[in-house]
Amino acid sequence: MKQGETSLKNKLERKTVEKNRRIRMKSLGFKLVSIIPDHHLRQPKEFLSHLDQIDEAAAYIKILREKIEEMKRRKAQLLINSGATNCVPNNVVGLKSPILTVKELGSDLEVVLISGLINNNFMISEVISIIQQEAAEVLTVNISRIGDNIFHTLHAQVKISRVGVDTSRISDRIQELFVSSTSL
C-alpha cells in the first residue's frame, strides 16, 4: 500500500470517528433534555440547539441541587424536632444560629441544642442554670460532635410535677443567651 493511500485511509477513519462522536453527542444531548420536565424549559425541546440543551440541563441540575439542600435542611430540622438527634446527617453544616428544641415529656424535660463549631460561644453551664431556675433538675448532659456540628442533649426532671415547666419560657431564655453570646 502506498503512503498516499494510507494517509487517505487515516483521514477517512478520523472523519468517520468524528462523525460518530458528533452523532453520539447529539443523541446524548437529546436524552439529557428528555428528562427535563417541559415546564422548566424556556422553549420547546425540538427547537433547542445542542448548546441550549446543555444550558437548560445545567440550569435544571442547579435547581435540583438547591432543592436537595433545602430538603436536607428540612429533614435535619424534622429529625431534631422529633428527638431523633442521633439520625441527623453530618452534612448539616454551616449552621448560622444554634437549633434548639425543648420538650416536656411528662415529668421529664429534654433540651436538644445543635450548634456549629464556629458559633459555639455559649456556656453549657449557663443553659443548665436557666433550666434549674425554671424548676427542673438537670440529670444528664450529653455532648457529641458530628461533622461540623456539636449536639448538646440535656435531660432534666421537673421538681414539682403537678406544676410542670414552661417550655416556651425556657426556650426563650436560652435563645436570649445565644443572642447575647453571638454579639460578643
Protein backbone atom coordinates (compact mmCIF):
# COMPACT_ATOMS: atom_id res chain seq x y z
CA MET A 1 0.00 0.00 0.00
CA LYS A 2 1.32 3.38 -0.92
CA GLN A 3 1.80 6.21 1.55
CA GLY A 4 -0.86 8.34 -0.17
CA GLU A 5 -3.43 5.57 0.18
CA THR A 6 -2.57 5.11 3.88
CA SER A 7 -2.93 8.82 4.51
CA LEU A 8 -6.30 8.89 2.74
CA LYS A 9 -7.47 5.86 4.71
CA ASN A 10 -6.44 7.55 8.02
CA LYS A 11 -8.30 10.72 7.07
CA LEU A 12 -11.45 8.72 6.28
CA GLU A 13 -11.17 6.86 9.58
CA ARG A 14 -10.79 10.14 11.51
CA LYS A 15 -13.79 11.61 9.66
CA THR A 16 -15.85 8.52 10.49
CA VAL A 17 -14.77 8.61 14.14
CA GLU A 18 -15.57 12.32 14.41
CA LYS A 19 -18.94 11.86 12.67
CA ASN A 20 -19.83 9.03 15.06
CA ARG A 21 -18.75 11.20 18.03
CA ARG A 22 -20.99 14.07 16.90
CA ILE A 23 -23.93 11.70 16.37
CA ARG A 24 -23.40 10.22 19.84
CA MET A 25 -23.10 13.67 21.48
CA LYS A 26 -26.29 14.81 19.75
CA SER A 27 -28.08 11.67 20.91
CA LEU A 28 -26.86 12.16 24.49
CA GLY A 29 -27.96 15.81 24.35
CA PHE A 30 -31.48 14.77 23.32
CA LYS A 31 -31.51 12.08 26.01
CA LEU A 32 -30.42 14.63 28.62
CA VAL A 33 -33.05 17.17 27.63
CA SER A 34 -35.73 14.46 27.50
CA ILE A 35 -35.57 14.01 31.28
CA ILE A 36 -36.10 17.71 31.95
CA PRO A 37 -39.78 18.50 32.62
CA ASP A 38 -41.31 20.71 29.92
CA HIS A 39 -42.29 23.43 32.40
CA HIS A 40 -38.57 24.05 33.14
CA LEU A 41 -37.70 24.74 29.51
CA ARG A 42 -37.77 28.22 28.01
CA GLN A 43 -38.68 26.87 24.58
CA PRO A 44 -39.91 23.55 23.14
CA LYS A 45 -37.36 20.73 23.10
CA GLU A 46 -37.42 20.39 19.33
CA PHE A 47 -36.18 23.97 18.86
CA LEU A 48 -33.21 23.70 21.24
CA SER A 49 -29.73 23.76 19.78
CA HIS A 50 -27.10 21.45 21.27
CA LEU A 51 -25.68 24.34 23.31
CA ASP A 52 -29.17 25.34 24.51
CA GLN A 53 -29.81 21.75 25.57
CA ILE A 54 -26.68 21.77 27.73
CA ASP A 55 -27.59 25.18 29.19
CA GLU A 56 -31.11 24.01 30.03
CA ALA A 57 -29.78 20.81 31.62
CA ALA A 58 -27.25 22.77 33.70
CA ALA A 59 -29.95 25.16 34.90
CA TYR A 60 -32.23 22.27 35.82
CA ILE A 61 -29.43 20.46 37.68
CA LYS A 62 -28.76 23.65 39.66
CA ILE A 63 -32.44 23.84 40.64
CA LEU A 64 -32.39 20.18 41.70
CA ARG A 65 -29.27 20.71 43.82
CA GLU A 66 -30.88 23.64 45.60
CA LYS A 67 -33.99 21.53 46.27
CA ILE A 68 -31.84 18.71 47.65
CA GLU A 69 -30.02 21.08 50.03
CA GLU A 70 -33.32 22.55 51.21
CA MET A 71 -34.74 19.05 51.76
CA LYS A 72 -31.64 18.06 53.75
CA ARG A 73 -32.10 21.12 55.98
CA ARG A 74 -35.79 20.35 56.44
CA LYS A 75 -35.05 16.68 57.18
CA ALA A 76 -32.48 17.62 59.80
CA GLN A 77 -34.92 20.04 61.42
CA LEU A 78 -37.68 17.40 61.43
CA LEU A 79 -35.32 14.84 62.95
CA ILE A 80 -34.32 17.34 65.59
CA ASN A 81 -37.93 18.21 66.36
CA SER A 82 -38.81 14.51 66.64
CA GLY A 83 -35.97 13.96 69.10
CA ALA A 84 -34.00 11.68 66.78
CA THR A 85 -30.78 13.65 67.08
CA ASN A 86 -28.59 10.62 66.50
CA CYS A 87 -30.06 10.35 62.97
CA VAL A 88 -29.16 13.85 61.85
CA PRO A 89 -26.77 13.58 58.90
CA ASN A 90 -23.29 15.00 59.27
CA ASN A 91 -23.72 17.14 56.17
CA VAL A 92 -25.90 19.66 58.03
CA VAL A 93 -23.07 22.13 58.11
CA GLY A 94 -22.80 25.85 58.28
CA LEU A 95 -25.48 26.43 60.88
CA LYS A 96 -25.89 30.18 61.11
CA SER A 97 -27.51 30.05 64.53
CA PRO A 98 -27.95 27.22 67.00
CA ILE A 99 -31.00 25.00 66.64
CA LEU A 100 -32.90 24.48 69.86
CA THR A 101 -35.75 22.19 70.85
CA VAL A 102 -37.27 21.98 74.31
CA LYS A 103 -39.74 19.16 75.00
CA GLU A 104 -41.70 18.30 78.08
CA LEU A 105 -42.04 14.54 78.37
CA GLY A 106 -44.37 14.00 81.32
CA SER A 107 -42.32 14.91 84.38
CA ASP A 108 -39.13 14.98 82.30
CA LEU A 109 -37.67 17.69 80.14
CA GLU A 110 -35.41 17.29 77.12
CA VAL A 111 -33.38 20.14 75.69
CA VAL A 112 -31.57 19.50 72.40
CA LEU A 113 -29.19 22.10 71.11
CA ILE A 114 -27.22 21.86 67.86
CA SER A 115 -24.56 24.40 67.11
CA GLY A 116 -21.74 24.69 64.63
CA LEU A 117 -18.12 24.69 65.69
CA ILE A 118 -17.80 28.34 64.75
CA ASN A 119 -20.74 29.68 66.78
CA ASN A 120 -20.20 27.69 69.95
CA ASN A 121 -19.67 30.75 72.15
CA PHE A 122 -22.28 29.98 74.80
CA MET A 123 -21.54 28.21 78.05
CA ILE A 124 -23.39 24.96 78.72
CA SER A 125 -23.32 25.85 82.42
CA GLU A 126 -25.49 28.90 81.66
CA VAL A 127 -28.02 26.69 79.85
CA ILE A 128 -28.09 24.33 82.86
CA SER A 129 -28.57 27.33 85.15
CA ILE A 130 -31.58 28.52 83.11
CA ILE A 131 -33.17 25.06 83.29
CA GLN A 132 -32.63 24.90 87.05
CA GLN A 133 -34.06 28.39 87.53
CA GLU A 134 -37.20 27.21 85.72
CA ALA A 135 -37.85 24.47 88.32
CA ALA A 136 -36.17 21.48 86.72
CA GLU A 137 -33.15 19.49 87.83
CA VAL A 138 -30.67 18.52 85.12
CA LEU A 139 -29.92 14.80 85.38
CA THR A 140 -27.71 14.16 82.34
CA VAL A 141 -25.82 16.17 79.76
CA ASN A 142 -24.58 14.52 76.58
CA ILE A 143 -22.30 16.38 74.19
CA SER A 144 -21.22 14.90 70.89
CA ARG A 145 -19.72 16.15 67.68
CA ILE A 146 -20.90 15.00 64.27
CA GLY A 147 -19.09 16.64 61.38
CA ASP A 148 -19.01 20.38 61.98
CA ASN A 149 -21.89 20.32 64.45
CA ILE A 150 -21.96 19.95 68.21
CA PHE A 151 -25.01 18.24 69.74
CA HIS A 152 -25.95 19.03 73.34
CA THR A 153 -28.71 16.90 74.83
CA LEU A 154 -29.83 17.70 78.35
CA HIS A 155 -32.31 15.59 80.28
CA ALA A 156 -33.95 17.13 83.31
CA GLN A 157 -36.66 16.21 85.74
CA VAL A 158 -39.34 18.65 86.79
CA LYS A 159 -39.03 19.42 90.50
CA ILE A 160 -42.78 19.79 91.08
CA SER A 161 -44.55 17.52 88.62
CA ARG A 162 -48.01 18.94 89.39
CA VAL A 163 -46.91 22.38 88.28
CA GLY A 164 -44.67 21.35 85.36
CA VAL A 165 -42.41 23.76 83.50
CA ASP A 166 -42.96 26.42 80.91
CA THR A 167 -41.01 25.07 77.93
CA SER A 168 -41.56 28.21 75.87
CA ARG A 169 -40.05 30.35 78.65
CA ILE A 170 -37.01 28.06 78.85
CA SER A 171 -36.65 28.16 75.06
CA ASP A 172 -36.92 31.96 75.00
CA ARG A 173 -34.33 32.40 77.76
CA ILE A 174 -31.86 30.06 76.06
CA GLN A 175 -32.41 31.85 72.74
CA GLU A 176 -31.64 35.17 74.50
CA LEU A 177 -28.45 33.57 75.78
CA PHE A 178 -27.47 32.72 72.19
CA VAL A 179 -28.17 36.23 71.00
CA SER A 180 -26.09 37.76 73.79
CA SER A 181 -23.19 35.32 73.24
CA THR A 182 -23.06 35.91 69.46
CA SER A 183 -22.97 39.67 69.90
CA LEU A 184 -19.76 39.41 71.95
